[in-house]
Amino acid sequence: MTRMPDKADLDQDRRVFAGVDTHKELHVAAVIDTDDNVLGTRSFPTTRNGYRTMLTWIGEYGNLIRIGIEGTGSYGAGLTRHLAKAGVTVLEVDRPDRSDRRRKGKDDDLDAINAARAAKTNRRTTTPKSKDGAVESLRVLRVTRAHSVRERRSALQLLRMTIISAPDELRAQVRDLTRMQLIRLLAAWRPDVANATDPVTAYRVSMKSLARRYLELTDEIADRGELINPIVKALAPQLLERVGIGIEVAGQMLVTAGDNSDRMKSEAAFAMLCGVAPLPASSGMTQRHRLNRGGDRQANRALHLAVIGRIRLDPKTQAYVEKKTSEGHSKLETIRGLKRYLAREVYYLLNPGPQTITPNTRHHRKAA
């Protein structure tokens, strides 16, 4: 068995790389050198003092070049912020391949070592979101709003199921009502709770409760929207000017990019992040690409919504669809191509530079 070198034997000018496997209560850190030798592994509590102790411990092995962390947006968020403030170069490490885990096994030390090796080679890594600006505020508000939307849908479904099994005298009162007429009627009921053993009373109480929950969640959704809309309009007016891109799509694109959108080095990387980069699946004389099922699925969904909107509203997009259909492409293949083009457009709008896509601004000059 190879002996790990003692700290006393190490040169403090040695270049080292670290990796962290994050958890709720404990983070497991590993340190390797430029020759891939494992110098040490250790667990640290997920507290500010634990973060400081981890950084000091890593520094005892040498000069830290980069550190790779799994889950920088969840369990590793606090550690990532602490290291960024300390000036450490942090990389977000993708989860190891399942085939590698089946072949080599899995434990926290191995995951931390793999994260350190990923940071050393800079493979399967990305720059983490800084989460220190308005986009992070937007993300949190969108998460709570989306949760309220799901809860409202669940309340409405349960209400409809309750009505189906309700006594006939109650069903007769709510028959042929629109959704909001039904909700307002039920929310205004005043059942006598003193006789809760009566099924009719119990149904009245339950239906009123669900209706009121629906109205409360509707108010919550509207309140979150009043906060979200100004943020999106201030951060991405250039996105909202494009056909098919509204508050929902623009907000998701901002969240996917993060506060430090320059962390995406190319439009191809952004397309891969959104899961719209086609993957090659050619063999022999057959040349084709297959659907990309990876990436941020919420970003993929947002691009899909924008493309559907453009197919309905944009003449250029409609002409593209007709062309691809005449060439024998299916509707889904055409939509995938449009999503890829839209991802490129969004990337350059979020990262203006020498290759920025600009609208046609030609003007006709009047004759002198």
Protein backbone atom coordinates (compact mmCIF):
# COMPACT_ATOMS: atom_id res chain seq x y z
CA MET A 1 0.00 0.00 0.00
CA THR A 2 1.38 3.42 -0.94
CA ARG A 3 2.05 5.68 2.04
CA MET A 4 0.61 9.17 1.89
CA PRO A 5 3.38 11.75 2.31
CA ASP A 6 3.56 13.55 5.63
CA LYS A 7 2.90 17.28 5.64
CA ALA A 8 6.39 17.86 6.99
CA ASP A 9 7.85 16.28 3.86
CA LEU A 10 5.96 18.58 1.50
CA ASP A 11 7.32 21.66 -0.20
CA GLN A 12 5.09 24.67 0.45
CA ASP A 13 5.75 25.82 -3.13
CA ARG A 14 4.19 22.60 -4.39
CA ARG A 15 1.21 23.10 -6.71
CA VAL A 16 -1.80 21.19 -5.42
CA PHE A 17 -5.42 20.71 -6.47
CA ALA A 18 -8.36 19.98 -4.22
CA GLY A 19 -11.79 18.42 -4.58
CA VAL A 20 -14.84 18.40 -2.32
CA ASP A 21 -17.76 15.99 -2.14
CA THR A 22 -20.53 18.04 -0.51
CA HIS A 23 -23.21 16.88 1.92
CA LYS A 24 -25.71 18.47 4.28
CA GLU A 25 -23.70 18.19 7.50
CA LEU A 26 -20.16 17.27 6.38
CA HIS A 27 -18.00 18.03 3.36
CA VAL A 28 -15.26 15.58 2.37
CA ALA A 29 -12.14 17.20 0.89
CA ALA A 30 -9.18 15.64 -0.93
CA VAL A 31 -5.85 17.09 -2.05
CA ILE A 32 -3.68 15.83 -4.92
CA ASP A 33 -0.42 17.04 -6.47
CA THR A 34 0.48 17.58 -10.11
CA ASP A 35 1.43 13.89 -10.43
CA ASP A 36 -2.05 12.76 -9.29
CA ASN A 37 -0.73 11.53 -5.95
CA VAL A 38 -3.35 11.72 -3.20
CA LEU A 39 -1.89 13.82 -0.39
CA GLY A 40 -4.78 13.58 2.03
CA THR A 41 -8.52 13.36 2.62
CA ARG A 42 -10.53 14.77 5.52
CA SER A 43 -14.09 15.69 6.52
CA PHE A 44 -15.16 19.16 7.65
CA PRO A 45 -18.43 20.51 9.12
CA THR A 46 -20.61 22.69 6.91
CA THR A 47 -20.04 25.84 8.96
CA ARG A 48 -18.01 29.00 8.41
CA ASN A 49 -15.40 27.72 10.84
CA GLY A 50 -15.38 24.41 8.96
CA TYR A 51 -14.80 26.24 5.67
CA ARG A 52 -11.89 28.21 7.17
CA THR A 53 -10.38 25.05 8.64
CA MET A 54 -10.67 23.26 5.28
CA LEU A 55 -8.88 26.07 3.45
CA THR A 56 -6.11 26.15 6.05
CA TRP A 57 -5.73 22.37 5.87
CA ILE A 58 -5.44 22.41 2.09
CA GLY A 59 -2.85 25.21 2.29
CA GLU A 60 -0.62 23.07 4.50
CA TYR A 61 -0.02 20.74 1.55
CA GLY A 62 1.09 23.44 -0.87
CA ASN A 63 -0.08 26.23 -3.13
CA LEU A 64 -3.72 25.63 -4.08
CA ILE A 65 -4.28 26.18 -7.82
CA ARG A 66 -7.91 25.13 -8.27
CA ILE A 67 -10.59 23.36 -6.31
CA GLY A 68 -13.42 21.28 -7.77
CA ILE A 69 -16.74 21.07 -5.92
CA GLU A 70 -19.78 18.93 -6.56
CA GLY A 71 -23.13 20.66 -6.05
CA THR A 72 -22.10 24.31 -5.93
CA GLY A 73 -25.75 25.31 -6.24
CA SER A 74 -27.04 23.17 -3.37
CA TYR A 75 -25.03 21.65 -0.50
CA GLY A 76 -21.85 23.33 -1.70
CA ALA A 77 -23.31 26.84 -2.09
CA GLY A 78 -21.99 28.14 1.24
CA LEU A 79 -18.51 26.71 0.67
CA THR A 80 -18.40 28.10 -2.85
CA ARG A 81 -19.22 31.61 -1.62
CA HIS A 82 -16.58 31.37 1.13
CA LEU A 83 -13.86 30.23 -1.27
CA ALA A 84 -14.78 32.87 -3.85
CA LYS A 85 -14.39 35.60 -1.22
CA ALA A 86 -11.01 34.11 -0.32
CA GLY A 87 -9.87 34.45 -3.94
CA VAL A 88 -9.74 30.71 -4.66
CA THR A 89 -10.46 29.51 -8.20
CA VAL A 90 -13.53 27.27 -7.89
CA LEU A 91 -14.83 24.89 -10.55
CA GLU A 92 -18.14 23.06 -10.47
CA VAL A 93 -17.57 19.37 -11.14
CA ASP A 94 -20.11 17.24 -12.96
CA ARG A 95 -21.22 14.01 -11.36
CA PRO A 96 -19.04 11.04 -12.32
CA ASP A 97 -20.26 8.73 -15.05
CA ARG A 98 -22.42 5.91 -13.76
CA SER A 99 -20.26 3.44 -15.67
CA ASP A 100 -17.19 4.69 -13.77
CA ARG A 101 -19.00 4.30 -10.46
CA ARG A 102 -20.08 0.75 -11.32
CA ARG A 103 -16.52 -0.12 -12.30
CA LYS A 104 -14.58 1.66 -9.55
CA GLY A 105 -17.13 1.83 -6.76
CA LYS A 106 -18.25 4.84 -4.79
CA ASP A 107 -17.56 6.47 -1.46
CA ASP A 108 -17.11 10.04 -0.29
CA ASP A 109 -13.30 9.94 -0.38
CA LEU A 110 -13.29 8.62 -3.95
CA ASP A 111 -15.78 11.29 -5.04
CA ALA A 112 -13.62 14.02 -3.49
CA ILE A 113 -10.48 12.62 -5.17
CA ASN A 114 -12.28 12.45 -8.53
CA ALA A 115 -13.39 16.06 -8.06
CA ALA A 116 -9.80 17.09 -7.40
CA ARG A 117 -8.60 15.28 -10.54
CA ALA A 118 -11.34 16.93 -12.57
CA ALA A 119 -10.18 20.33 -11.28
CA LYS A 120 -6.59 19.47 -12.17
CA THR A 121 -7.38 18.46 -15.76
CA ASN A 122 -10.21 21.02 -16.09
CA ARG A 123 -12.41 18.35 -17.66
CA ARG A 124 -16.15 17.93 -16.99
CA THR A 125 -16.08 21.21 -15.09
CA THR A 126 -17.79 24.59 -15.34
CA THR A 127 -17.42 27.94 -13.64
CA PRO A 128 -20.06 28.04 -10.88
CA LYS A 129 -22.68 30.75 -10.66
CA SER A 130 -21.63 33.59 -8.38
CA LYS A 131 -25.15 33.88 -6.84
CA ASP A 132 -24.43 37.36 -5.53
CA GLY A 133 -26.63 39.57 -7.70
CA ALA A 134 -30.10 40.30 -9.00
CA VAL A 135 -30.29 37.05 -10.98
CA GLU A 136 -30.04 35.04 -7.75
CA SER A 137 -32.92 37.08 -6.34
CA LEU A 138 -34.85 36.35 -9.52
CA ARG A 139 -34.12 32.63 -9.21
CA VAL A 140 -35.43 32.41 -5.64
CA LEU A 141 -38.60 34.33 -6.50
CA ARG A 142 -39.21 32.12 -9.53
CA VAL A 143 -38.77 28.97 -7.45
CA THR A 144 -41.36 30.07 -4.90
CA ARG A 145 -43.76 31.18 -7.63
CA ALA A 146 -43.39 27.86 -9.47
CA HIS A 147 -44.10 26.01 -6.21
CA SER A 148 -47.28 28.07 -5.71
CA VAL A 149 -48.37 27.27 -9.26
CA ARG A 150 -47.92 23.54 -8.64
CA GLU A 151 -49.79 23.72 -5.33
CA ARG A 152 -52.67 25.64 -6.92
CA ARG A 153 -52.95 23.03 -9.68
CA SER A 154 -52.95 20.26 -7.07
CA ALA A 155 -55.66 22.01 -5.04
CA LEU A 156 -57.85 22.40 -8.13
CA GLN A 157 -57.42 18.75 -9.09
CA LEU A 158 -58.31 17.59 -5.58
CA LEU A 159 -61.35 19.88 -5.55
CA ARG A 160 -62.64 18.44 -8.81
CA MET A 161 -62.15 14.89 -7.52
CA THR A 162 -64.02 15.79 -4.34
CA ILE A 163 -66.93 17.21 -6.33
CA ILE A 164 -67.18 14.00 -8.38
CA SER A 165 -67.76 11.93 -5.24
CA ALA A 166 -69.85 14.53 -3.39
CA PRO A 167 -73.54 13.94 -2.52
CA ASP A 168 -75.98 14.77 -5.31
CA GLU A 169 -77.43 17.79 -3.51
CA LEU A 170 -73.99 19.43 -3.49
CA ARG A 171 -73.11 18.44 -7.04
CA ALA A 172 -76.37 20.01 -8.24
CA GLN A 173 -75.33 23.37 -6.74
CA VAL A 174 -71.99 23.50 -8.60
CA ARG A 175 -72.98 21.96 -11.90
CA ASP A 176 -72.34 24.01 -15.08
CA LEU A 177 -70.26 26.68 -13.31
CA THR A 178 -67.06 28.11 -14.72
CA ARG A 179 -63.87 27.60 -12.74
CA MET A 180 -63.86 31.02 -11.05
CA GLN A 181 -67.63 30.93 -10.43
CA LEU A 182 -67.13 27.58 -8.71
CA ILE A 183 -64.19 28.81 -6.64
CA ARG A 184 -65.96 31.98 -5.47
CA LEU A 185 -69.16 30.11 -4.63
CA LEU A 186 -67.39 27.46 -2.56
CA ALA A 187 -65.13 30.01 -0.80
CA ALA A 188 -68.26 31.90 0.32
CA TRP A 189 -69.93 28.83 1.89
CA ARG A 190 -70.52 28.89 5.67
CA PRO A 191 -70.96 25.24 6.67
CA ASP A 192 -72.10 24.36 10.20
CA VAL A 193 -69.01 22.64 11.59
CA ALA A 194 -70.90 21.53 14.69
CA ASN A 195 -72.26 18.58 12.71
CA ALA A 196 -69.02 17.39 11.08
CA THR A 197 -70.13 13.75 11.26
CA ASP A 198 -72.69 14.48 8.53
CA PRO A 199 -71.09 13.66 5.12
CA VAL A 200 -72.76 16.67 3.47
CA THR A 201 -71.23 19.01 6.07
CA ALA A 202 -67.83 17.37 5.80
CA TYR A 203 -67.88 17.77 2.02
CA ARG A 204 -68.86 21.44 2.38
CA VAL A 205 -65.99 22.10 4.77
CA SER A 206 -63.46 20.34 2.53
CA MET A 207 -64.62 22.01 -0.67
CA LYS A 208 -64.59 25.45 0.96
CA SER A 209 -61.06 24.85 2.27
CA LEU A 210 -59.76 23.85 -1.16
CA ALA A 211 -61.43 26.84 -2.82
CA ARG A 212 -59.91 29.26 -0.34
CA ARG A 213 -56.50 27.63 -0.78
CA TYR A 214 -56.83 28.13 -4.53
CA LEU A 215 -57.59 31.84 -4.07
CA GLU A 216 -54.73 32.33 -1.59
CA LEU A 217 -52.25 30.67 -3.93
CA THR A 218 -53.54 32.80 -6.81
CA ASP A 219 -52.78 35.92 -4.76
CA GLU A 220 -49.29 34.57 -3.95
CA ILE A 221 -48.59 33.94 -7.63
CA ALA A 222 -49.69 37.47 -8.52
CA ASP A 223 -47.54 38.97 -5.74
CA ARG A 224 -44.45 37.08 -6.90
CA GLY A 225 -45.16 38.16 -10.47
CA GLU A 226 -45.20 41.82 -9.40
CA LEU A 227 -41.66 41.34 -8.07
CA ILE A 228 -40.36 39.19 -10.92
CA ASN A 229 -41.54 41.26 -13.87
CA PRO A 230 -39.57 44.47 -13.08
CA ILE A 231 -36.39 42.48 -12.44
CA VAL A 232 -36.58 40.70 -15.80
CA LYS A 233 -37.41 43.93 -17.63
CA ALA A 234 -34.43 45.65 -16.04
CA LEU A 235 -31.95 42.80 -16.61
CA ALA A 236 -32.93 41.64 -20.10
CA PRO A 237 -34.85 44.23 -22.13
CA GLN A 238 -32.98 43.01 -25.22
CA LEU A 239 -34.49 39.54 -24.79
CA LEU A 240 -38.03 40.82 -24.34
CA GLU A 241 -37.79 42.65 -27.67
CA ARG A 242 -37.48 39.35 -29.56
CA VAL A 243 -40.47 37.49 -30.94
CA GLY A 244 -41.67 34.63 -28.75
CA ILE A 245 -39.66 35.67 -25.67
CA GLY A 246 -41.70 36.91 -22.74
CA ILE A 247 -41.14 37.27 -19.00
CA GLU A 248 -41.17 33.51 -18.35
CA VAL A 249 -38.67 32.60 -21.07
CA ALA A 250 -36.38 35.58 -20.44
CA GLY A 251 -36.42 34.93 -16.70
CA GLN A 252 -35.39 31.30 -17.16
CA MET A 253 -32.60 32.25 -19.57
CA LEU A 254 -31.24 34.73 -17.02
CA VAL A 255 -31.35 32.11 -14.25
CA THR A 256 -29.62 29.53 -16.44
CA ALA A 257 -26.85 31.97 -17.31
CA GLY A 258 -26.44 33.23 -13.73
CA ASP A 259 -25.19 36.56 -12.43
CA ASN A 260 -21.77 35.92 -14.02
CA SER A 261 -22.97 35.02 -17.51
CA ASP A 262 -19.40 35.35 -18.82
CA ARG A 263 -18.69 31.94 -17.25
CA MET A 264 -20.08 30.45 -20.49
CA LYS A 265 -17.11 30.55 -22.85
CA SER A 266 -18.99 29.97 -26.11
CA GLU A 267 -22.45 29.75 -27.61
CA ALA A 268 -21.86 26.03 -28.15
CA ALA A 269 -21.28 25.60 -24.41
CA PHE A 270 -24.49 27.52 -23.69
CA ALA A 271 -26.40 25.31 -26.13
CA MET A 272 -25.04 22.23 -24.38
CA LEU A 273 -26.03 23.72 -21.03
CA CYS A 274 -29.58 24.20 -22.34
CA GLY A 275 -29.68 20.65 -23.74
CA VAL A 276 -30.27 21.80 -27.33
CA ALA A 277 -26.89 20.88 -28.84
CA PRO A 278 -27.50 17.86 -31.11
CA LEU A 279 -25.27 14.89 -30.33
CA PRO A 280 -23.64 12.93 -33.17
CA ALA A 281 -24.97 9.40 -33.62
CA SER A 282 -23.45 8.45 -36.96
CA SER A 283 -22.27 5.01 -37.98
CA GLY A 284 -20.81 3.89 -41.29
CA MET A 285 -22.65 5.48 -44.17
CA THR A 286 -25.40 6.79 -41.87
CA GLN A 287 -24.84 10.38 -40.79
CA ARG A 288 -27.29 11.64 -38.17
CA HIS A 289 -27.64 13.38 -34.81
CA ARG A 290 -29.76 12.41 -31.86
CA LEU A 291 -31.73 14.27 -29.22
CA ASN A 292 -29.74 15.73 -26.33
CA ARG A 293 -31.44 14.73 -23.07
CA GLY A 294 -28.89 16.46 -20.85
CA GLY A 295 -28.48 20.03 -19.70
CA ASP A 296 -30.85 22.32 -17.83
CA ARG A 297 -34.30 20.95 -18.62
CA GLN A 298 -36.05 24.13 -17.48
CA ALA A 299 -33.96 26.11 -19.97
CA ASN A 300 -34.80 23.54 -22.64
CA ARG A 301 -38.50 23.94 -21.84
CA ALA A 302 -38.25 27.75 -22.04
CA LEU A 303 -36.60 27.57 -25.47
CA HIS A 304 -39.29 25.15 -26.61
CA LEU A 305 -42.03 27.58 -25.54
CA ALA A 306 -40.30 30.42 -27.39
CA VAL A 307 -39.96 28.35 -30.56
CA ILE A 308 -43.63 27.34 -30.49
CA GLY A 309 -44.52 31.02 -30.16
CA ARG A 310 -42.32 31.92 -33.13
CA ILE A 311 -43.85 29.19 -35.27
CA ARG A 312 -47.23 30.81 -34.66
CA LEU A 313 -46.18 34.46 -34.99
CA ASP A 314 -42.94 34.88 -36.94
CA PRO A 315 -43.06 34.70 -40.78
CA LYS A 316 -39.35 33.86 -41.05
CA THR A 317 -39.75 30.94 -38.66
CA GLN A 318 -42.80 29.75 -40.57
CA ALA A 319 -40.83 29.85 -43.83
CA TYR A 320 -38.04 27.81 -42.18
CA VAL A 321 -40.56 25.19 -41.01
CA GLU A 322 -42.04 24.92 -44.52
CA LYS A 323 -38.56 24.50 -46.02
CA LYS A 324 -37.56 21.76 -43.58
CA THR A 325 -40.88 19.98 -44.02
CA SER A 326 -40.43 19.95 -47.80
CA GLU A 327 -36.97 18.44 -47.29
CA GLY A 328 -38.50 15.52 -45.40
CA HIS A 329 -37.66 16.55 -41.83
CA SER A 330 -40.16 15.78 -39.10
CA LYS A 331 -41.76 18.50 -36.99
CA LEU A 332 -39.73 17.51 -33.92
CA GLU A 333 -36.47 17.63 -35.88
CA THR A 334 -37.37 21.10 -37.14
CA ILE A 335 -38.19 22.31 -33.63
CA ARG A 336 -34.86 20.97 -32.34
CA GLY A 337 -33.05 22.95 -35.04
CA LEU A 338 -34.97 26.11 -34.15
CA LYS A 339 -34.14 25.66 -30.46
CA ARG A 340 -30.46 25.42 -31.32
CA TYR A 341 -30.61 28.63 -33.35
CA LEU A 342 -32.54 30.39 -30.59
CA ALA A 343 -29.95 29.32 -27.99
CA ARG A 344 -27.25 30.97 -30.11
CA GLU A 345 -29.33 34.14 -30.38
CA VAL A 346 -29.97 34.26 -26.62
CA TYR A 347 -26.30 33.67 -25.82
CA TYR A 348 -25.12 36.67 -27.82
CA LEU A 349 -27.88 38.84 -26.38
CA LEU A 350 -26.77 37.93 -22.86
CA ASN A 351 -23.06 38.23 -23.77
CA PRO A 352 -22.74 41.24 -26.09
CA GLY A 353 -19.39 41.33 -27.86
CA PRO A 354 -17.81 41.50 -31.30
CA GLN A 355 -20.13 38.72 -32.53
CA THR A 356 -23.31 40.17 -31.01
CA ILE A 357 -26.45 39.60 -33.06
CA THR A 358 -28.01 42.99 -33.80
CA PRO A 359 -31.35 43.79 -35.40
CA ASN A 360 -31.53 45.24 -38.86
CA THR A 361 -31.21 49.00 -38.36
CA ARG A 362 -31.02 50.13 -41.97
CA HIS A 363 -32.92 53.33 -42.58
CA HIS A 364 -33.91 54.92 -45.87
CA ARG A 365 -32.38 58.33 -46.22
CA LYS A 366 -34.48 61.05 -47.70
CA ALA A 367 -33.17 62.60 -50.87
CA ALA A 368 -31.54 65.92 -50.27
